[in-house]
Amino acid sequence: MSSSKTGRGASLIVVRARPGKRTQGLISTGAGVLPCALGRSGTSALKREGDGATPLAVLRPLAILYRRERRPWGIGPVRLPALPVRPNLGWCDLPQDRNYNRPVRLPYRSRYEEMMRQDQLYDICVVLDWNVLPRRRNGGSAIFLHIARPGAANGSGMEPTAGCIAVSPRAMARLLLLLGRKTRIVVLR
């Protein structure tokens, strides 16, 4: 499967694990190939909360969250809702909570992930539709396309994620121009 336009304004973005390097990936777009980091456990068709795997799935981008004060993407208008991250924004990742895999207002009574991070991973964060409708308890939460943590632990210059897809800031700027409501991100082995 190659990446291409799939109809009026719809684009297909394909993410594949690099052969022999399960935490590294390649993103194919109509405009080229970009390196990415995948989950610390590689990819999985049976995604579970906390397993560290990137789900093998067809994902839709829903919205862009960004740090207004850092705003590292001076690329012009985007085709998805773009919302600034505030200090009180979290994402619930406790399967037993009624707000599991949803944004929550901090402080929150249950386990959550802070969206305003100091490490810049969520300076730009694309919310993907994994386990959104319907939500399955333990099906995995907070699966995003975000900025990669620099590092050389896996040989790619990017550290593995907890299950997300992560790219360099430069690659993110390129991808944001391609993302719209009809975009599909297909994660393959």
C-alpha atoms as a PDB file:
ATOM      1  CA  MET A   1       0.000   0.000   0.000  1.00  0.00           C
ATOM      2  CA  SER A   2       1.476   3.336  -0.953  1.00  0.00           C
ATOM      3  CA  SER A   3       0.463   6.778   0.159  1.00  0.00           C
ATOM      4  CA  SER A   4      -1.557   8.923  -2.178  1.00  0.00           C
ATOM      5  CA  LYS A   5      -4.539  11.149  -2.569  1.00  0.00           C
ATOM      6  CA  THR A   6      -7.684   9.119  -2.077  1.00  0.00           C
ATOM      7  CA  GLY A   7     -10.294  11.586  -3.265  1.00  0.00           C
ATOM      8  CA  ARG A   8     -11.327  15.212  -2.802  1.00  0.00           C
ATOM      9  CA  GLY A   9      -8.987  16.555  -0.134  1.00  0.00           C
ATOM     10  CA  ALA A  10      -8.422  13.107   1.332  1.00  0.00           C
ATOM     11  CA  SER A  11      -4.907  11.857   1.811  1.00  0.00           C
ATOM     12  CA  LEU A  12      -3.490   8.565   2.919  1.00  0.00           C
ATOM     13  CA  ILE A  13      -0.445   8.462   5.160  1.00  0.00           C
ATOM     14  CA  VAL A  14       1.169   5.074   5.694  1.00  0.00           C
ATOM     15  CA  VAL A  15       3.287   4.243   8.753  1.00  0.00           C
ATOM     16  CA  ARG A  16       5.398   1.080   8.671  1.00  0.00           C
ATOM     17  CA  ALA A  17       7.810  -0.356  11.183  1.00  0.00           C
ATOM     18  CA  ARG A  18      11.357  -0.526   9.883  1.00  0.00           C
ATOM     19  CA  PRO A  19      12.388  -4.137   9.233  1.00  0.00           C
ATOM     20  CA  GLY A  20      14.248  -5.487  12.239  1.00  0.00           C
ATOM     21  CA  LYS A  21      13.748  -2.266  14.231  1.00  0.00           C
ATOM     22  CA  ARG A  22      10.346  -2.460  15.862  1.00  0.00           C
ATOM     23  CA  THR A  23      10.529   0.917  17.643  1.00  0.00           C
ATOM     24  CA  GLN A  24      11.429   2.797  14.465  1.00  0.00           C
ATOM     25  CA  GLY A  25       9.084   3.597  11.632  1.00  0.00           C
ATOM     26  CA  LEU A  26       8.809   5.228   8.250  1.00  0.00           C
ATOM     27  CA  ILE A  27       5.941   7.532   7.322  1.00  0.00           C
ATOM     28  CA  SER A  28       5.107   7.563   3.615  1.00  0.00           C
ATOM     29  CA  THR A  29       3.260  10.566   2.263  1.00  0.00           C
ATOM     30  CA  GLY A  30       2.612  11.650  -1.277  1.00  0.00           C
ATOM     31  CA  ALA A  31       5.522  14.062  -0.757  1.00  0.00           C
ATOM     32  CA  GLY A  32       8.140  11.604   0.533  1.00  0.00           C
ATOM     33  CA  VAL A  33       9.211   9.420   3.438  1.00  0.00           C
ATOM     34  CA  LEU A  34       9.841  10.628   6.987  1.00  0.00           C
ATOM     35  CA  PRO A  35      11.387   8.746   9.930  1.00  0.00           C
ATOM     36  CA  CYS A  36       9.348   8.294  13.092  1.00  0.00           C
ATOM     37  CA  ALA A  37       9.452   6.632  16.488  1.00  0.00           C
ATOM     38  CA  LEU A  38       6.912   3.972  17.434  1.00  0.00           C
ATOM     39  CA  GLY A  39       5.977   2.363  20.742  1.00  0.00           C
ATOM     40  CA  ARG A  40       8.642   0.765  22.947  1.00  0.00           C
ATOM     41  CA  SER A  41       6.954  -2.607  22.244  1.00  0.00           C
ATOM     42  CA  GLY A  42       6.671  -1.988  18.496  1.00  0.00           C
ATOM     43  CA  THR A  43       3.226  -2.375  16.933  1.00  0.00           C
ATOM     44  CA  SER A  44       0.285  -4.557  17.914  1.00  0.00           C
ATOM     45  CA  ALA A  45      -3.073  -5.591  16.499  1.00  0.00           C
ATOM     46  CA  LEU A  46      -4.186  -6.289  20.085  1.00  0.00           C
ATOM     47  CA  LYS A  47      -3.461  -2.896  21.673  1.00  0.00           C
ATOM     48  CA  ARG A  48      -3.969  -2.805  25.460  1.00  0.00           C
ATOM     49  CA  GLU A  49      -3.602   0.003  27.996  1.00  0.00           C
ATOM     50  CA  GLY A  50       0.019   0.302  29.130  1.00  0.00           C
ATOM     51  CA  ASP A  51       1.478  -2.264  26.687  1.00  0.00           C
ATOM     52  CA  GLY A  52       3.748   0.307  25.008  1.00  0.00           C
ATOM     53  CA  ALA A  53       2.602  -0.699  21.509  1.00  0.00           C
ATOM     54  CA  THR A  54       1.498   1.481  18.622  1.00  0.00           C
ATOM     55  CA  PRO A  55      -1.828   0.117  17.345  1.00  0.00           C
ATOM     56  CA  LEU A  56      -1.970  -1.483  13.902  1.00  0.00           C
ATOM     57  CA  ALA A  57      -4.980   0.442  12.666  1.00  0.00           C
ATOM     58  CA  VAL A  58      -6.464   3.042  10.377  1.00  0.00           C
ATOM     59  CA  LEU A  59      -6.431   6.282  12.374  1.00  0.00           C
ATOM     60  CA  ARG A  60      -8.113   9.616  11.741  1.00  0.00           C
ATOM     61  CA  PRO A  61      -6.641  12.894  12.998  1.00  0.00           C
ATOM     62  CA  LEU A  62      -9.234  14.747  15.092  1.00  0.00           C
ATOM     63  CA  ALA A  63      -7.547  17.942  16.309  1.00  0.00           C
ATOM     64  CA  ILE A  64      -4.223  19.655  16.881  1.00  0.00           C
ATOM     65  CA  LEU A  65      -3.204  20.696  20.379  1.00  0.00           C
ATOM     66  CA  TYR A  66      -0.332  23.176  20.598  1.00  0.00           C
ATOM     67  CA  ARG A  67       1.638  25.201  23.122  1.00  0.00           C
ATOM     68  CA  ARG A  68       0.764  28.794  22.304  1.00  0.00           C
ATOM     69  CA  GLU A  69       3.859  30.269  23.973  1.00  0.00           C
ATOM     70  CA  ARG A  70       6.166  27.974  22.019  1.00  0.00           C
ATOM     71  CA  ARG A  71       4.174  27.761  18.768  1.00  0.00           C
ATOM     72  CA  PRO A  72       7.009  26.066  16.862  1.00  0.00           C
ATOM     73  CA  TRP A  73       4.962  25.683  13.702  1.00  0.00           C
ATOM     74  CA  GLY A  74       4.958  28.856  11.648  1.00  0.00           C
ATOM     75  CA  ILE A  75       3.447  27.113   8.652  1.00  0.00           C
ATOM     76  CA  GLY A  76       0.200  28.962   8.135  1.00  0.00           C
ATOM     77  CA  PRO A  77      -3.325  27.624   8.314  1.00  0.00           C
ATOM     78  CA  VAL A  78      -4.095  23.984   9.035  1.00  0.00           C
ATOM     79  CA  ARG A  79      -7.208  21.978   8.080  1.00  0.00           C
ATOM     80  CA  LEU A  80      -7.981  20.566  11.517  1.00  0.00           C
ATOM     81  CA  PRO A  81      -9.245  22.312  14.642  1.00  0.00           C
ATOM     82  CA  ALA A  82      -6.192  23.764  16.419  1.00  0.00           C
ATOM     83  CA  LEU A  83      -6.565  24.311  20.153  1.00  0.00           C
ATOM     84  CA  PRO A  84      -4.052  25.836  22.557  1.00  0.00           C
ATOM     85  CA  VAL A  85      -2.939  23.648  25.477  1.00  0.00           C
ATOM     86  CA  ARG A  86      -3.643  25.197  28.850  1.00  0.00           C
ATOM     87  CA  PRO A  87      -1.980  24.246  32.168  1.00  0.00           C
ATOM     88  CA  ASN A  88      -5.202  22.578  33.371  1.00  0.00           C
ATOM     89  CA  LEU A  89      -5.494  20.140  30.431  1.00  0.00           C
ATOM     90  CA  GLY A  90      -4.955  16.458  31.118  1.00  0.00           C
ATOM     91  CA  TRP A  91      -5.865  13.179  29.422  1.00  0.00           C
ATOM     92  CA  CYS A  92      -7.416  10.419  31.542  1.00  0.00           C
ATOM     93  CA  ASP A  93      -5.648   7.059  31.146  1.00  0.00           C
ATOM     94  CA  LEU A  94      -7.311   5.011  33.891  1.00  0.00           C
ATOM     95  CA  PRO A  95      -9.539   2.363  32.228  1.00  0.00           C
ATOM     96  CA  GLN A  96     -12.007   2.245  35.150  1.00  0.00           C
ATOM     97  CA  ASP A  97     -12.679   6.003  35.050  1.00  0.00           C
ATOM     98  CA  ARG A  98     -15.788   7.318  33.288  1.00  0.00           C
ATOM     99  CA  ASN A  99     -13.568   9.799  31.391  1.00  0.00           C
ATOM    100  CA  TYR A 100     -11.087   7.167  30.202  1.00  0.00           C
ATOM    101  CA  ASN A 101      -9.314   8.261  27.010  1.00  0.00           C
ATOM    102  CA  ARG A 102     -10.809  11.730  27.145  1.00  0.00           C
ATOM    103  CA  PRO A 103      -9.442  15.166  27.955  1.00  0.00           C
ATOM    104  CA  VAL A 104      -9.979  16.207  31.574  1.00  0.00           C
ATOM    105  CA  ARG A 105      -9.587  19.391  33.580  1.00  0.00           C
ATOM    106  CA  LEU A 106      -6.731  19.340  36.108  1.00  0.00           C
ATOM    107  CA  PRO A 107      -6.452  18.702  38.929  1.00  0.00           C
ATOM    108  CA  TYR A 108      -8.323  15.476  38.311  1.00  0.00           C
ATOM    109  CA  ARG A 109      -9.245  12.802  40.865  1.00  0.00           C
ATOM    110  CA  SER A 110      -7.978   9.903  38.772  1.00  0.00           C
ATOM    111  CA  ARG A 111      -4.833   8.944  36.828  1.00  0.00           C
ATOM    112  CA  TYR A 112      -4.054  11.216  33.886  1.00  0.00           C
ATOM    113  CA  GLU A 113      -1.353  12.434  31.579  1.00  0.00           C
ATOM    114  CA  GLU A 114      -0.465  16.139  31.647  1.00  0.00           C
ATOM    115  CA  MET A 115      -0.733  17.774  28.245  1.00  0.00           C
ATOM    116  CA  MET A 116       1.423  20.798  29.134  1.00  0.00           C
ATOM    117  CA  ARG A 117       4.748  19.021  29.422  1.00  0.00           C
ATOM    118  CA  GLN A 118       8.166  20.484  30.085  1.00  0.00           C
ATOM    119  CA  ASP A 119       9.919  18.139  27.639  1.00  0.00           C
ATOM    120  CA  GLN A 120       8.308  19.628  24.485  1.00  0.00           C
ATOM    121  CA  LEU A 121       6.820  16.316  23.288  1.00  0.00           C
ATOM    122  CA  TYR A 122       3.355  17.860  23.169  1.00  0.00           C
ATOM    123  CA  ASP A 123       4.355  21.287  21.833  1.00  0.00           C
ATOM    124  CA  ILE A 124       2.374  20.049  18.821  1.00  0.00           C
ATOM    125  CA  CYS A 125       0.152  17.057  19.402  1.00  0.00           C
ATOM    126  CA  VAL A 126      -2.305  15.598  16.900  1.00  0.00           C
ATOM    127  CA  VAL A 127      -5.126  13.759  18.651  1.00  0.00           C
ATOM    128  CA  LEU A 128      -5.898  10.500  16.811  1.00  0.00           C
ATOM    129  CA  ASP A 129      -9.201   8.629  16.997  1.00  0.00           C
ATOM    130  CA  TRP A 130      -7.832   5.435  18.563  1.00  0.00           C
ATOM    131  CA  ASN A 131     -10.350   3.959  21.032  1.00  0.00           C
ATOM    132  CA  VAL A 132     -12.541   7.060  20.948  1.00  0.00           C
ATOM    133  CA  LEU A 133     -15.908   5.825  19.629  1.00  0.00           C
ATOM    134  CA  PRO A 134     -16.647   3.358  20.956  1.00  0.00           C
ATOM    135  CA  ARG A 135     -14.251   3.394  23.894  1.00  0.00           C
ATOM    136  CA  ARG A 136     -13.219  -0.007  25.164  1.00  0.00           C
ATOM    137  CA  ARG A 137     -11.952  -0.350  28.717  1.00  0.00           C
ATOM    138  CA  ASN A 138      -8.202  -1.180  28.585  1.00  0.00           C
ATOM    139  CA  GLY A 139      -8.201  -0.591  24.812  1.00  0.00           C
ATOM    140  CA  GLY A 140      -5.457   2.027  25.006  1.00  0.00           C
ATOM    141  CA  SER A 141      -5.550   5.763  25.576  1.00  0.00           C
ATOM    142  CA  ALA A 142      -3.797   8.957  24.553  1.00  0.00           C
ATOM    143  CA  ILE A 143      -2.599   7.687  21.160  1.00  0.00           C
ATOM    144  CA  PHE A 144      -1.221  10.807  19.502  1.00  0.00           C
ATOM    145  CA  LEU A 145       1.073  11.969  16.718  1.00  0.00           C
ATOM    146  CA  HIS A 146       3.539  14.178  18.578  1.00  0.00           C
ATOM    147  CA  ILE A 147       7.101  15.510  18.689  1.00  0.00           C
ATOM    148  CA  ALA A 148       9.747  12.831  19.283  1.00  0.00           C
ATOM    149  CA  ARG A 149      12.037  12.742  22.282  1.00  0.00           C
ATOM    150  CA  PRO A 150      15.573  13.155  20.956  1.00  0.00           C
ATOM    151  CA  GLY A 151      17.912  10.291  21.691  1.00  0.00           C
ATOM    152  CA  ALA A 152      19.893   7.554  20.068  1.00  0.00           C
ATOM    153  CA  ALA A 153      18.722   4.537  22.074  1.00  0.00           C
ATOM    154  CA  ASN A 154      17.123   2.905  19.045  1.00  0.00           C
ATOM    155  CA  GLY A 155      19.567   4.172  16.417  1.00  0.00           C
ATOM    156  CA  SER A 156      17.081   6.584  14.819  1.00  0.00           C
ATOM    157  CA  GLY A 157      17.895   9.645  16.881  1.00  0.00           C
ATOM    158  CA  MET A 158      14.417   9.377  18.464  1.00  0.00           C
ATOM    159  CA  GLU A 159      13.400   7.549  21.631  1.00  0.00           C
ATOM    160  CA  PRO A 160      10.519   5.034  21.441  1.00  0.00           C
ATOM    161  CA  THR A 161       7.096   6.204  22.634  1.00  0.00           C
ATOM    162  CA  ALA A 162       4.533   4.722  25.030  1.00  0.00           C
ATOM    163  CA  GLY A 163       2.405   3.777  21.993  1.00  0.00           C
ATOM    164  CA  CYS A 164       2.163   6.972  19.963  1.00  0.00           C
ATOM    165  CA  ILE A 165       3.771   7.951  16.664  1.00  0.00           C
ATOM    166  CA  ALA A 166       6.449  10.623  17.122  1.00  0.00           C
ATOM    167  CA  VAL A 167       8.377  12.731  14.613  1.00  0.00           C
ATOM    168  CA  SER A 168      10.899  15.548  14.526  1.00  0.00           C
ATOM    169  CA  PRO A 169       9.586  19.141  14.631  1.00  0.00           C
ATOM    170  CA  ARG A 170      10.535  19.546  10.955  1.00  0.00           C
ATOM    171  CA  ALA A 171       8.617  16.390   9.974  1.00  0.00           C
ATOM    172  CA  MET A 172       5.635  17.557  12.045  1.00  0.00           C
ATOM    173  CA  ALA A 173       5.555  20.844  10.143  1.00  0.00           C
ATOM    174  CA  ARG A 174       5.382  18.889   6.875  1.00  0.00           C
ATOM    175  CA  LEU A 175       2.709  16.516   8.160  1.00  0.00           C
ATOM    176  CA  LEU A 176       0.462  19.271   9.516  1.00  0.00           C
ATOM    177  CA  LEU A 177       0.060  20.597   5.983  1.00  0.00           C
ATOM    178  CA  LEU A 178      -1.288  17.205   4.863  1.00  0.00           C
ATOM    179  CA  LEU A 179      -3.701  16.522   7.705  1.00  0.00           C
ATOM    180  CA  GLY A 180      -7.407  17.139   7.304  1.00  0.00           C
ATOM    181  CA  ARG A 181     -10.691  15.560   8.328  1.00  0.00           C
ATOM    182  CA  LYS A 182     -10.522  13.065   5.465  1.00  0.00           C
ATOM    183  CA  THR A 183      -6.910  12.028   6.104  1.00  0.00           C
ATOM    184  CA  ARG A 184      -6.309   8.430   7.088  1.00  0.00           C
ATOM    185  CA  ILE A 185      -3.125   7.303   8.833  1.00  0.00           C
ATOM    186  CA  VAL A 186      -2.637   3.582   8.268  1.00  0.00           C
ATOM    187  CA  VAL A 187      -0.223   1.821  10.651  1.00  0.00           C
ATOM    188  CA  LEU A 188       1.134  -1.424   9.155  1.00  0.00           C
ATOM    189  CA  ARG A 189       3.685  -3.985  10.305  1.00  0.00           C
END
